[in-house]
């Protein structure tokens, strides 16, 4: 039976909005867990493992367990490195040093960077709107990093620059999923495989740098933070593979638009975190950038739909 066109358009949009709202909360979970004394590498390991176990239970019930072909292992490894290990280590490491709202704004760079990587790999055409999205996104970052008083302390600017590795990793992963995804693979199986590989790598890193850290012995804030983050990971990776399967990486990169807005609201509600005037200016620049990036993304989606 042919797929209903309305359903094929609606489902990825619903997943995009729900996933973006959920993912926007992870910065607040990071802050809670790290400030409660959770070592950041152990925190990154445990949230990956708990998320992997949850996804594997669902995969077992739906007969969608991870496959172990060379193509699947390549996808697991690349996404685990660029879509999880690098971004989540970075975000966890700087969680107590940079406000969650400011870290959330970095997600606004992901769509522009996704376009850049796709353009370099000749998956996307040159689009003036997309280039303007890149320009305004980086203007937003400069408005946060350069002026005095935009961040709680001068040292936070350095941590923010380090945190730029996260949207770079996310963008590289968005493109890789479209290029490397093995045929005849399920989104739940792929997400389970990625989280298993990520947790295995992080387990070794944790033992080397921090030793074995049982999370259940830590303060309640640390425990709730890691369980919260694990739930976010389980949902996010599942939705990542499904949205890209249904609508492609450029459409998925708009996931970060929702995450920026929801992350700001999470930070405001949980921490009463109000941005400085410079951060407000950066937010305006990034919103302008997102408008341009959206125009470029919509052009890509229309061209893809016309070809199919």
C-alpha atoms as a PDB file:
ATOM      1  CA  UNK A   1       0.000   0.000   0.000  1.00  0.00           C
ATOM      2  CA  UNK A   2       1.348   3.430  -0.943  1.00  0.00           C
ATOM      3  CA  UNK A   3       2.197   5.779   1.911  1.00  0.00           C
ATOM      4  CA  UNK A   4      -0.293   8.611   2.420  1.00  0.00           C
ATOM      5  CA  UNK A   5       1.453  11.828   1.275  1.00  0.00           C
ATOM      6  CA  UNK A   6      -0.105  13.840   4.109  1.00  0.00           C
ATOM      7  CA  UNK A   7       1.154  11.289   6.632  1.00  0.00           C
ATOM      8  CA  UNK A   8       4.608  11.265   5.047  1.00  0.00           C
ATOM      9  CA  UNK A   9       4.805  15.038   5.554  1.00  0.00           C
ATOM     10  CA  UNK A  10       3.194  15.153   8.988  1.00  0.00           C
ATOM     11  CA  UNK A  11       5.074  12.365  10.774  1.00  0.00           C
ATOM     12  CA  UNK A  12       8.605  13.810  10.392  1.00  0.00           C
ATOM     13  CA  UNK A  13       7.300  17.219  11.486  1.00  0.00           C
ATOM     14  CA  UNK A  14       5.695  15.739  14.612  1.00  0.00           C
ATOM     15  CA  UNK A  15       8.892  13.822  15.433  1.00  0.00           C
ATOM     16  CA  UNK A  16      10.915  16.985  14.830  1.00  0.00           C
ATOM     17  CA  UNK A  17       8.852  19.072  17.265  1.00  0.00           C
ATOM     18  CA  UNK A  18       8.552  16.430  19.993  1.00  0.00           C
ATOM     19  CA  UNK A  19      12.214  15.451  19.734  1.00  0.00           C
ATOM     20  CA  UNK A  20      13.358  19.067  19.747  1.00  0.00           C
ATOM     21  CA  UNK A  21      11.372  19.876  22.883  1.00  0.00           C
ATOM     22  CA  UNK A  22      12.776  16.810  24.634  1.00  0.00           C
ATOM     23  CA  UNK A  23      16.355  17.437  23.536  1.00  0.00           C
ATOM     24  CA  UNK A  24      16.254  21.060  24.639  1.00  0.00           C
ATOM     25  CA  UNK A  25      16.013  19.849  28.243  1.00  0.00           C
ATOM     26  CA  UNK A  26      19.329  17.957  28.217  1.00  0.00           C
ATOM     27  CA  UNK A  27      21.377  21.067  29.015  1.00  0.00           C
ATOM     28  CA  UNK A  28      19.413  21.548  32.208  1.00  0.00           C
ATOM     29  CA  UNK A  29      19.844  17.861  33.055  1.00  0.00           C
ATOM     30  CA  UNK A  30      23.595  18.233  32.497  1.00  0.00           C
ATOM     31  CA  UNK A  31      23.778  21.224  34.831  1.00  0.00           C
ATOM     32  CA  UNK A  32      21.835  19.418  37.562  1.00  0.00           C
ATOM     33  CA  UNK A  33      23.944  16.241  37.349  1.00  0.00           C
ATOM     34  CA  UNK A  34      27.356  17.911  37.122  1.00  0.00           C
ATOM     35  CA  UNK A  35      26.621  20.405  39.900  1.00  0.00           C
ATOM     36  CA  UNK A  36      25.505  17.449  42.058  1.00  0.00           C
ATOM     37  CA  UNK A  37      29.022  16.020  41.744  1.00  0.00           C
ATOM     38  CA  UNK A  38      28.709  13.560  38.841  1.00  0.00           C
ATOM     39  CA  UNK A  39      32.153  13.179  37.126  1.00  0.00           C
ATOM     40  CA  UNK A  40      31.537  14.287  33.557  1.00  0.00           C
ATOM     41  CA  UNK A  41      33.018  11.229  31.779  1.00  0.00           C
ATOM     42  CA  UNK A  42      31.109   8.785  33.983  1.00  0.00           C
ATOM     43  CA  UNK A  43      27.993  10.856  33.431  1.00  0.00           C
ATOM     44  CA  UNK A  44      28.430  10.578  29.658  1.00  0.00           C
ATOM     45  CA  UNK A  45      28.939   6.797  29.941  1.00  0.00           C
ATOM     46  CA  UNK A  46      25.954   6.063  32.151  1.00  0.00           C
ATOM     47  CA  UNK A  47      23.459   8.063  30.143  1.00  0.00           C
ATOM     48  CA  UNK A  48      24.568   6.227  26.974  1.00  0.00           C
ATOM     49  CA  UNK A  49      24.353   2.791  28.602  1.00  0.00           C
ATOM     50  CA  UNK A  50      20.951   3.360  30.211  1.00  0.00           C
ATOM     51  CA  UNK A  51      19.615   4.764  26.931  1.00  0.00           C
ATOM     52  CA  UNK A  52      21.062   1.776  25.015  1.00  0.00           C
ATOM     53  CA  UNK A  53      19.375  -0.703  27.356  1.00  0.00           C
ATOM     54  CA  UNK A  54      16.030   1.069  26.991  1.00  0.00           C
ATOM     55  CA  UNK A  55      16.278   1.105  23.195  1.00  0.00           C
ATOM     56  CA  UNK A  56      17.375  -2.551  23.095  1.00  0.00           C
ATOM     57  CA  UNK A  57      14.315  -3.574  25.102  1.00  0.00           C
ATOM     58  CA  UNK A  58      12.103  -1.838  22.550  1.00  0.00           C
ATOM     59  CA  UNK A  59      14.155  -3.317  19.710  1.00  0.00           C
ATOM     60  CA  UNK A  60      13.793  -6.814  21.138  1.00  0.00           C
ATOM     61  CA  UNK A  61      10.039  -6.406  21.477  1.00  0.00           C
ATOM     62  CA  UNK A  62       9.743  -5.155  17.891  1.00  0.00           C
ATOM     63  CA  UNK A  63      12.360  -7.522  16.384  1.00  0.00           C
ATOM     64  CA  UNK A  64      14.575  -4.557  15.522  1.00  0.00           C
ATOM     65  CA  UNK A  65      17.812  -5.375  17.277  1.00  0.00           C
ATOM     66  CA  UNK A  66      21.105  -3.909  15.938  1.00  0.00           C
ATOM     67  CA  UNK A  67      22.697  -5.722  13.000  1.00  0.00           C
ATOM     68  CA  UNK A  68      26.451  -6.343  12.912  1.00  0.00           C
ATOM     69  CA  UNK A  69      27.481  -6.080   9.260  1.00  0.00           C
ATOM     70  CA  UNK A  70      30.461  -3.953   8.264  1.00  0.00           C
ATOM     71  CA  UNK A  71      28.152  -1.240   6.947  1.00  0.00           C
ATOM     72  CA  UNK A  72      26.196  -1.170  10.212  1.00  0.00           C
ATOM     73  CA  UNK A  73      29.346  -1.047  12.347  1.00  0.00           C
ATOM     74  CA  UNK A  74      30.640   1.844  10.230  1.00  0.00           C
ATOM     75  CA  UNK A  75      27.426   3.778  10.850  1.00  0.00           C
ATOM     76  CA  UNK A  76      27.453   2.969  14.573  1.00  0.00           C
ATOM     77  CA  UNK A  77      31.049   4.075  14.943  1.00  0.00           C
ATOM     78  CA  UNK A  78      30.725   7.340  13.045  1.00  0.00           C
ATOM     79  CA  UNK A  79      27.479   8.397  14.723  1.00  0.00           C
ATOM     80  CA  UNK A  80      28.710   7.321  18.163  1.00  0.00           C
ATOM     81  CA  UNK A  81      31.824   9.485  17.740  1.00  0.00           C
ATOM     82  CA  UNK A  82      30.389  12.606  16.096  1.00  0.00           C
ATOM     83  CA  UNK A  83      26.768  12.429  17.237  1.00  0.00           C
ATOM     84  CA  UNK A  84      27.391  11.391  20.833  1.00  0.00           C
ATOM     85  CA  UNK A  85      30.910  11.024  22.276  1.00  0.00           C
ATOM     86  CA  UNK A  86      32.399  14.353  21.170  1.00  0.00           C
ATOM     87  CA  UNK A  87      29.292  16.549  21.688  1.00  0.00           C
ATOM     88  CA  UNK A  88      28.183  15.008  24.969  1.00  0.00           C
ATOM     89  CA  UNK A  89      31.647  14.973  26.546  1.00  0.00           C
ATOM     90  CA  UNK A  90      32.048  18.609  25.569  1.00  0.00           C
ATOM     91  CA  UNK A  91      28.615  19.658  26.816  1.00  0.00           C
ATOM     92  CA  UNK A  92      28.994  17.730  30.067  1.00  0.00           C
ATOM     93  CA  UNK A  93      32.483  19.164  30.635  1.00  0.00           C
ATOM     94  CA  UNK A  94      31.393  22.785  30.212  1.00  0.00           C
ATOM     95  CA  UNK A  95      27.949  22.374  31.831  1.00  0.00           C
ATOM     96  CA  UNK A  96      28.994  24.002  35.101  1.00  0.00           C
ATOM     97  CA  UNK A  97      31.063  26.705  33.354  1.00  0.00           C
ATOM     98  CA  UNK A  98      28.660  28.112  30.741  1.00  0.00           C
ATOM     99  CA  UNK A  99      24.937  28.884  31.319  1.00  0.00           C
ATOM    100  CA  UNK A 100      22.549  26.284  29.811  1.00  0.00           C
ATOM    101  CA  UNK A 101      20.810  28.998  27.795  1.00  0.00           C
ATOM    102  CA  UNK A 102      24.061  29.993  26.069  1.00  0.00           C
ATOM    103  CA  UNK A 103      24.958  26.364  25.341  1.00  0.00           C
ATOM    104  CA  UNK A 104      21.497  25.862  23.892  1.00  0.00           C
ATOM    105  CA  UNK A 105      22.098  28.731  21.455  1.00  0.00           C
ATOM    106  CA  UNK A 106      25.024  26.802  19.971  1.00  0.00           C
ATOM    107  CA  UNK A 107      22.516  24.347  18.516  1.00  0.00           C
ATOM    108  CA  UNK A 108      21.409  27.137  16.193  1.00  0.00           C
ATOM    109  CA  UNK A 109      24.699  26.681  14.327  1.00  0.00           C
ATOM    110  CA  UNK A 110      23.987  23.046  13.457  1.00  0.00           C
ATOM    111  CA  UNK A 111      21.675  23.667  10.446  1.00  0.00           C
ATOM    112  CA  UNK A 112      24.181  26.071   8.876  1.00  0.00           C
ATOM    113  CA  UNK A 113      27.079  23.689   9.487  1.00  0.00           C
ATOM    114  CA  UNK A 114      25.019  20.788   8.125  1.00  0.00           C
ATOM    115  CA  UNK A 115      24.541  22.761   4.925  1.00  0.00           C
ATOM    116  CA  UNK A 116      28.277  23.529   4.722  1.00  0.00           C
ATOM    117  CA  UNK A 117      29.252  19.878   5.089  1.00  0.00           C
ATOM    118  CA  UNK A 118      26.561  18.768   2.632  1.00  0.00           C
ATOM    119  CA  UNK A 119      27.780  21.417   0.151  1.00  0.00           C
ATOM    120  CA  UNK A 120      31.398  20.275   0.525  1.00  0.00           C
ATOM    121  CA  UNK A 121      30.318  16.679  -0.119  1.00  0.00           C
ATOM    122  CA  UNK A 122      28.228  17.853  -3.108  1.00  0.00           C
ATOM    123  CA  UNK A 123      24.992  16.766  -1.526  1.00  0.00           C
ATOM    124  CA  UNK A 124      23.702  20.360  -1.637  1.00  0.00           C
ATOM    125  CA  UNK A 125      23.828  23.176  -4.179  1.00  0.00           C
ATOM    126  CA  UNK A 126      25.166  26.658  -3.487  1.00  0.00           C
ATOM    127  CA  UNK A 127      22.339  28.622  -1.881  1.00  0.00           C
ATOM    128  CA  UNK A 128      22.665  32.273  -0.951  1.00  0.00           C
ATOM    129  CA  UNK A 129      20.069  31.919   1.810  1.00  0.00           C
ATOM    130  CA  UNK A 130      22.006  29.055   3.407  1.00  0.00           C
ATOM    131  CA  UNK A 131      25.257  31.042   3.259  1.00  0.00           C
ATOM    132  CA  UNK A 132      23.542  33.983   4.973  1.00  0.00           C
ATOM    133  CA  UNK A 133      22.378  31.552   7.638  1.00  0.00           C
ATOM    134  CA  UNK A 134      25.996  30.577   8.261  1.00  0.00           C
ATOM    135  CA  UNK A 135      27.106  34.230   8.440  1.00  0.00           C
ATOM    136  CA  UNK A 136      24.431  35.329  10.937  1.00  0.00           C
ATOM    137  CA  UNK A 137      24.952  32.215  13.038  1.00  0.00           C
ATOM    138  CA  UNK A 138      28.603  33.051  13.522  1.00  0.00           C
ATOM    139  CA  UNK A 139      27.788  36.713  14.165  1.00  0.00           C
ATOM    140  CA  UNK A 140      25.644  35.441  17.025  1.00  0.00           C
ATOM    141  CA  UNK A 141      28.568  33.479  18.467  1.00  0.00           C
ATOM    142  CA  UNK A 142      30.852  36.527  18.232  1.00  0.00           C
ATOM    143  CA  UNK A 143      28.275  38.635  20.085  1.00  0.00           C
ATOM    144  CA  UNK A 144      28.458  36.163  22.961  1.00  0.00           C
ATOM    145  CA  UNK A 145      32.206  35.574  23.018  1.00  0.00           C
ATOM    146  CA  UNK A 146      33.719  39.016  22.357  1.00  0.00           C
ATOM    147  CA  UNK A 147      31.914  41.627  24.503  1.00  0.00           C
ATOM    148  CA  UNK A 148      32.639  41.925  28.218  1.00  0.00           C
ATOM    149  CA  UNK A 149      29.610  41.172  30.369  1.00  0.00           C
ATOM    150  CA  UNK A 150      27.910  38.872  27.874  1.00  0.00           C
ATOM    151  CA  UNK A 151      28.915  35.817  29.953  1.00  0.00           C
ATOM    152  CA  UNK A 152      29.097  35.320  33.743  1.00  0.00           C
ATOM    153  CA  UNK A 153      32.926  35.358  33.668  1.00  0.00           C
ATOM    154  CA  UNK A 154      35.681  36.028  31.084  1.00  0.00           C
ATOM    155  CA  UNK A 155      36.795  32.378  31.358  1.00  0.00           C
ATOM    156  CA  UNK A 156      33.388  31.253  30.082  1.00  0.00           C
ATOM    157  CA  UNK A 157      34.258  32.553  26.589  1.00  0.00           C
ATOM    158  CA  UNK A 158      37.030  29.962  26.272  1.00  0.00           C
ATOM    159  CA  UNK A 159      34.714  27.194  27.388  1.00  0.00           C
ATOM    160  CA  UNK A 160      32.129  28.393  24.871  1.00  0.00           C
ATOM    161  CA  UNK A 161      34.660  28.143  22.036  1.00  0.00           C
ATOM    162  CA  UNK A 162      35.440  24.586  23.137  1.00  0.00           C
ATOM    163  CA  UNK A 163      31.718  23.841  23.116  1.00  0.00           C
ATOM    164  CA  UNK A 164      31.620  24.702  19.384  1.00  0.00           C
ATOM    165  CA  UNK A 165      32.926  21.172  18.810  1.00  0.00           C
ATOM    166  CA  UNK A 166      29.426  19.938  19.638  1.00  0.00           C
ATOM    167  CA  UNK A 167      27.470  21.540  16.749  1.00  0.00           C
ATOM    168  CA  UNK A 168      30.356  20.646  14.416  1.00  0.00           C
ATOM    169  CA  UNK A 169      29.986  17.008  15.480  1.00  0.00           C
ATOM    170  CA  UNK A 170      26.195  17.088  15.138  1.00  0.00           C
ATOM    171  CA  UNK A 171      26.405  18.554  11.638  1.00  0.00           C
ATOM    172  CA  UNK A 172      28.968  15.974  10.506  1.00  0.00           C
ATOM    173  CA  UNK A 173      26.734  13.248  11.869  1.00  0.00           C
ATOM    174  CA  UNK A 174      23.605  14.568  10.124  1.00  0.00           C
ATOM    175  CA  UNK A 175      25.325  14.252   6.761  1.00  0.00           C
ATOM    176  CA  UNK A 176      26.895  10.892   7.581  1.00  0.00           C
ATOM    177  CA  UNK A 177      23.542   9.311   8.420  1.00  0.00           C
ATOM    178  CA  UNK A 178      22.242  10.190   4.958  1.00  0.00           C
ATOM    179  CA  UNK A 179      25.407   8.861   3.287  1.00  0.00           C
ATOM    180  CA  UNK A 180      26.305   5.822   5.416  1.00  0.00           C
ATOM    181  CA  UNK A 181      22.932   4.407   6.457  1.00  0.00           C
ATOM    182  CA  UNK A 182      22.851   0.702   5.518  1.00  0.00           C
ATOM    183  CA  UNK A 183      19.898  -0.490   3.444  1.00  0.00           C
ATOM    184  CA  UNK A 184      17.220  -2.603   5.129  1.00  0.00           C
ATOM    185  CA  UNK A 185      17.977  -1.171   8.576  1.00  0.00           C
ATOM    186  CA  UNK A 186      15.518   0.066  11.174  1.00  0.00           C
ATOM    187  CA  UNK A 187      15.814   3.336  13.060  1.00  0.00           C
ATOM    188  CA  UNK A 188      15.414   1.625  16.432  1.00  0.00           C
ATOM    189  CA  UNK A 189      18.098  -0.933  15.545  1.00  0.00           C
ATOM    190  CA  UNK A 190      20.510   1.762  14.390  1.00  0.00           C
ATOM    191  CA  UNK A 191      19.965   3.891  17.486  1.00  0.00           C
ATOM    192  CA  UNK A 192      20.522   0.862  19.732  1.00  0.00           C
ATOM    193  CA  UNK A 193      23.766   0.031  17.944  1.00  0.00           C
ATOM    194  CA  UNK A 194      25.025   3.615  18.174  1.00  0.00           C
ATOM    195  CA  UNK A 195      24.303   3.868  21.895  1.00  0.00           C
ATOM    196  CA  UNK A 196      25.934   0.486  22.568  1.00  0.00           C
ATOM    197  CA  UNK A 197      29.122   1.531  20.762  1.00  0.00           C
ATOM    198  CA  UNK A 198      29.099   4.920  22.489  1.00  0.00           C
ATOM    199  CA  UNK A 199      28.676   3.346  25.931  1.00  0.00           C
ATOM    200  CA  UNK A 200      31.438   0.776  25.259  1.00  0.00           C
ATOM    201  CA  UNK A 201      33.906   3.504  24.250  1.00  0.00           C
ATOM    202  CA  UNK A 202      32.913   5.727  27.155  1.00  0.00           C
ATOM    203  CA  UNK A 203      33.263   2.811  29.604  1.00  0.00           C
ATOM    204  CA  UNK A 204      36.936   2.428  28.672  1.00  0.00           C
ATOM    205  CA  UNK A 205      37.531   6.185  28.882  1.00  0.00           C
ATOM    206  CA  UNK A 206      35.792   6.316  32.258  1.00  0.00           C
ATOM    207  CA  UNK A 207      37.950   3.501  33.681  1.00  0.00           C
ATOM    208  CA  UNK A 208      41.127   5.201  32.469  1.00  0.00           C
ATOM    209  CA  UNK A 209      40.396   8.704  33.749  1.00  0.00           C
ATOM    210  CA  UNK A 210      37.892   8.336  36.588  1.00  0.00           C
ATOM    211  CA  UNK A 211      37.698   4.662  37.532  1.00  0.00           C
ATOM    212  CA  UNK A 212      34.382   2.869  37.888  1.00  0.00           C
ATOM    213  CA  UNK A 213      31.733   5.309  39.122  1.00  0.00           C
ATOM    214  CA  UNK A 214      28.425   3.676  40.209  1.00  0.00           C
ATOM    215  CA  UNK A 215      25.864   6.411  39.634  1.00  0.00           C
ATOM    216  CA  UNK A 216      23.415   5.067  42.210  1.00  0.00           C
ATOM    217  CA  UNK A 217      25.800   5.985  45.029  1.00  0.00           C
ATOM    218  CA  UNK A 218      25.820   9.677  44.080  1.00  0.00           C
ATOM    219  CA  UNK A 219      23.559  12.496  45.235  1.00  0.00           C
ATOM    220  CA  UNK A 220      19.917  12.384  44.155  1.00  0.00           C
ATOM    221  CA  UNK A 221      20.442  15.276  41.728  1.00  0.00           C
ATOM    222  CA  UNK A 222      23.111  13.279  39.917  1.00  0.00           C
ATOM    223  CA  UNK A 223      20.890  10.194  39.721  1.00  0.00           C
ATOM    224  CA  UNK A 224      17.867  12.082  38.399  1.00  0.00           C
ATOM    225  CA  UNK A 225      20.062  14.030  35.992  1.00  0.00           C
ATOM    226  CA  UNK A 226      21.548  10.908  34.371  1.00  0.00           C
ATOM    227  CA  UNK A 227      18.163   9.166  34.110  1.00  0.00           C
ATOM    228  CA  UNK A 228      16.718  12.283  32.529  1.00  0.00           C
ATOM    229  CA  UNK A 229      19.600  12.566  30.057  1.00  0.00           C
ATOM    230  CA  UNK A 230      19.359   8.851  29.213  1.00  0.00           C
ATOM    231  CA  UNK A 231      15.688   9.229  28.308  1.00  0.00           C
ATOM    232  CA  UNK A 232      16.573  12.210  26.129  1.00  0.00           C
ATOM    233  CA  UNK A 233      19.259  10.173  24.321  1.00  0.00           C
ATOM    234  CA  UNK A 234      16.986   7.202  23.705  1.00  0.00           C
ATOM    235  CA  UNK A 235      14.352   9.432  22.114  1.00  0.00           C
ATOM    236  CA  UNK A 236      16.777  11.679  20.228  1.00  0.00           C
ATOM    237  CA  UNK A 237      18.754   8.974  18.411  1.00  0.00           C
ATOM    238  CA  UNK A 238      15.649   7.006  17.521  1.00  0.00           C
ATOM    239  CA  UNK A 239      14.048  10.147  16.070  1.00  0.00           C
ATOM    240  CA  UNK A 240      17.285  11.201  14.351  1.00  0.00           C
ATOM    241  CA  UNK A 241      17.427   8.076  12.197  1.00  0.00           C
ATOM    242  CA  UNK A 242      13.688   8.070  11.546  1.00  0.00           C
ATOM    243  CA  UNK A 243      13.440  11.746  10.536  1.00  0.00           C
ATOM    244  CA  UNK A 244      16.451  11.521   8.218  1.00  0.00           C
ATOM    245  CA  UNK A 245      14.994   8.343   6.691  1.00  0.00           C
ATOM    246  CA  UNK A 246      11.691  10.109   6.052  1.00  0.00           C
ATOM    247  CA  UNK A 247      12.817  13.628   5.124  1.00  0.00           C
ATOM    248  CA  UNK A 248      16.623  13.834   4.819  1.00  0.00           C
ATOM    249  CA  UNK A 249      19.441  15.530   6.773  1.00  0.00           C
ATOM    250  CA  UNK A 250      18.623  19.125   5.801  1.00  0.00           C
ATOM    251  CA  UNK A 251      15.092  18.767   7.171  1.00  0.00           C
ATOM    252  CA  UNK A 252      16.407  17.075  10.312  1.00  0.00           C
ATOM    253  CA  UNK A 253      18.851  19.913  10.959  1.00  0.00           C
ATOM    254  CA  UNK A 254      15.788  22.071  11.750  1.00  0.00           C
ATOM    255  CA  UNK A 255      15.453  19.885  14.868  1.00  0.00           C
ATOM    256  CA  UNK A 256      17.880  22.358  16.403  1.00  0.00           C
ATOM    257  CA  UNK A 257      15.506  25.289  15.894  1.00  0.00           C
ATOM    258  CA  UNK A 258      12.996  23.665  18.236  1.00  0.00           C
ATOM    259  CA  UNK A 259      15.760  22.661  20.653  1.00  0.00           C
ATOM    260  CA  UNK A 260      17.005  26.250  20.938  1.00  0.00           C
ATOM    261  CA  UNK A 261      13.564  27.557  21.836  1.00  0.00           C
ATOM    262  CA  UNK A 262      12.696  24.736  24.209  1.00  0.00           C
ATOM    263  CA  UNK A 263      16.142  24.779  25.812  1.00  0.00           C
ATOM    264  CA  UNK A 264      15.741  28.472  26.574  1.00  0.00           C
ATOM    265  CA  UNK A 265      12.384  27.811  28.220  1.00  0.00           C
ATOM    266  CA  UNK A 266      13.754  24.882  30.239  1.00  0.00           C
ATOM    267  CA  UNK A 267      16.603  27.084  31.525  1.00  0.00           C
ATOM    268  CA  UNK A 268      14.201  29.898  32.386  1.00  0.00           C
ATOM    269  CA  UNK A 269      11.755  27.645  34.241  1.00  0.00           C
ATOM    270  CA  UNK A 270      14.323  25.550  36.121  1.00  0.00           C
ATOM    271  CA  UNK A 271      17.047  28.113  36.820  1.00  0.00           C
ATOM    272  CA  UNK A 272      15.341  31.491  36.254  1.00  0.00           C
ATOM    273  CA  UNK A 273      18.200  32.107  33.838  1.00  0.00           C
ATOM    274  CA  UNK A 274      17.781  35.463  32.106  1.00  0.00           C
ATOM    275  CA  UNK A 275      20.210  36.355  29.302  1.00  0.00           C
ATOM    276  CA  UNK A 276      22.389  39.484  29.177  1.00  0.00           C
ATOM    277  CA  UNK A 277      21.760  42.158  26.533  1.00  0.00           C
ATOM    278  CA  UNK A 278      24.607  40.739  24.433  1.00  0.00           C
ATOM    279  CA  UNK A 279      23.057  37.270  24.564  1.00  0.00           C
ATOM    280  CA  UNK A 280      19.720  38.790  23.511  1.00  0.00           C
ATOM    281  CA  UNK A 281      21.539  40.424  20.567  1.00  0.00           C
ATOM    282  CA  UNK A 282      23.143  37.083  19.728  1.00  0.00           C
ATOM    283  CA  UNK A 283      19.729  35.431  19.870  1.00  0.00           C
ATOM    284  CA  UNK A 284      18.361  38.002  17.387  1.00  0.00           C
ATOM    285  CA  UNK A 285      21.301  37.378  15.026  1.00  0.00           C
ATOM    286  CA  UNK A 286      20.783  33.628  15.272  1.00  0.00           C
ATOM    287  CA  UNK A 287      17.047  33.953  14.643  1.00  0.00           C
ATOM    288  CA  UNK A 288      17.838  35.914  11.463  1.00  0.00           C
ATOM    289  CA  UNK A 289      20.321  33.193  10.558  1.00  0.00           C
ATOM    290  CA  UNK A 290      17.716  30.518  11.183  1.00  0.00           C
ATOM    291  CA  UNK A 291      15.249  32.304   8.894  1.00  0.00           C
ATOM    292  CA  UNK A 292      17.809  32.239   6.084  1.00  0.00           C
ATOM    293  CA  UNK A 293      18.777  28.634   6.875  1.00  0.00           C
ATOM    294  CA  UNK A 294      15.108  27.637   6.811  1.00  0.00           C
ATOM    295  CA  UNK A 295      14.710  29.156   3.360  1.00  0.00           C
ATOM    296  CA  UNK A 296      17.674  27.130   2.132  1.00  0.00           C
ATOM    297  CA  UNK A 297      16.396  23.957   3.788  1.00  0.00           C
ATOM    298  CA  UNK A 298      12.927  24.410   2.299  1.00  0.00           C
ATOM    299  CA  UNK A 299      14.449  24.864  -1.163  1.00  0.00           C
ATOM    300  CA  UNK A 300      16.326  21.578  -0.730  1.00  0.00           C
ATOM    301  CA  UNK A 301      13.190  19.788   0.430  1.00  0.00           C
ATOM    302  CA  UNK A 302      11.155  21.095  -2.521  1.00  0.00           C
ATOM    303  CA  UNK A 303      13.828  19.954  -4.998  1.00  0.00           C
ATOM    304  CA  UNK A 304      14.031  16.520  -3.364  1.00  0.00           C
ATOM    305  CA  UNK A 305      10.243  16.172  -3.489  1.00  0.00           C
ATOM    306  CA  UNK A 306      10.178  17.178  -7.159  1.00  0.00           C
ATOM    307  CA  UNK A 307      12.713  14.454  -8.014  1.00  0.00           C
ATOM    308  CA  UNK A 308      10.834  11.709  -6.136  1.00  0.00           C
END
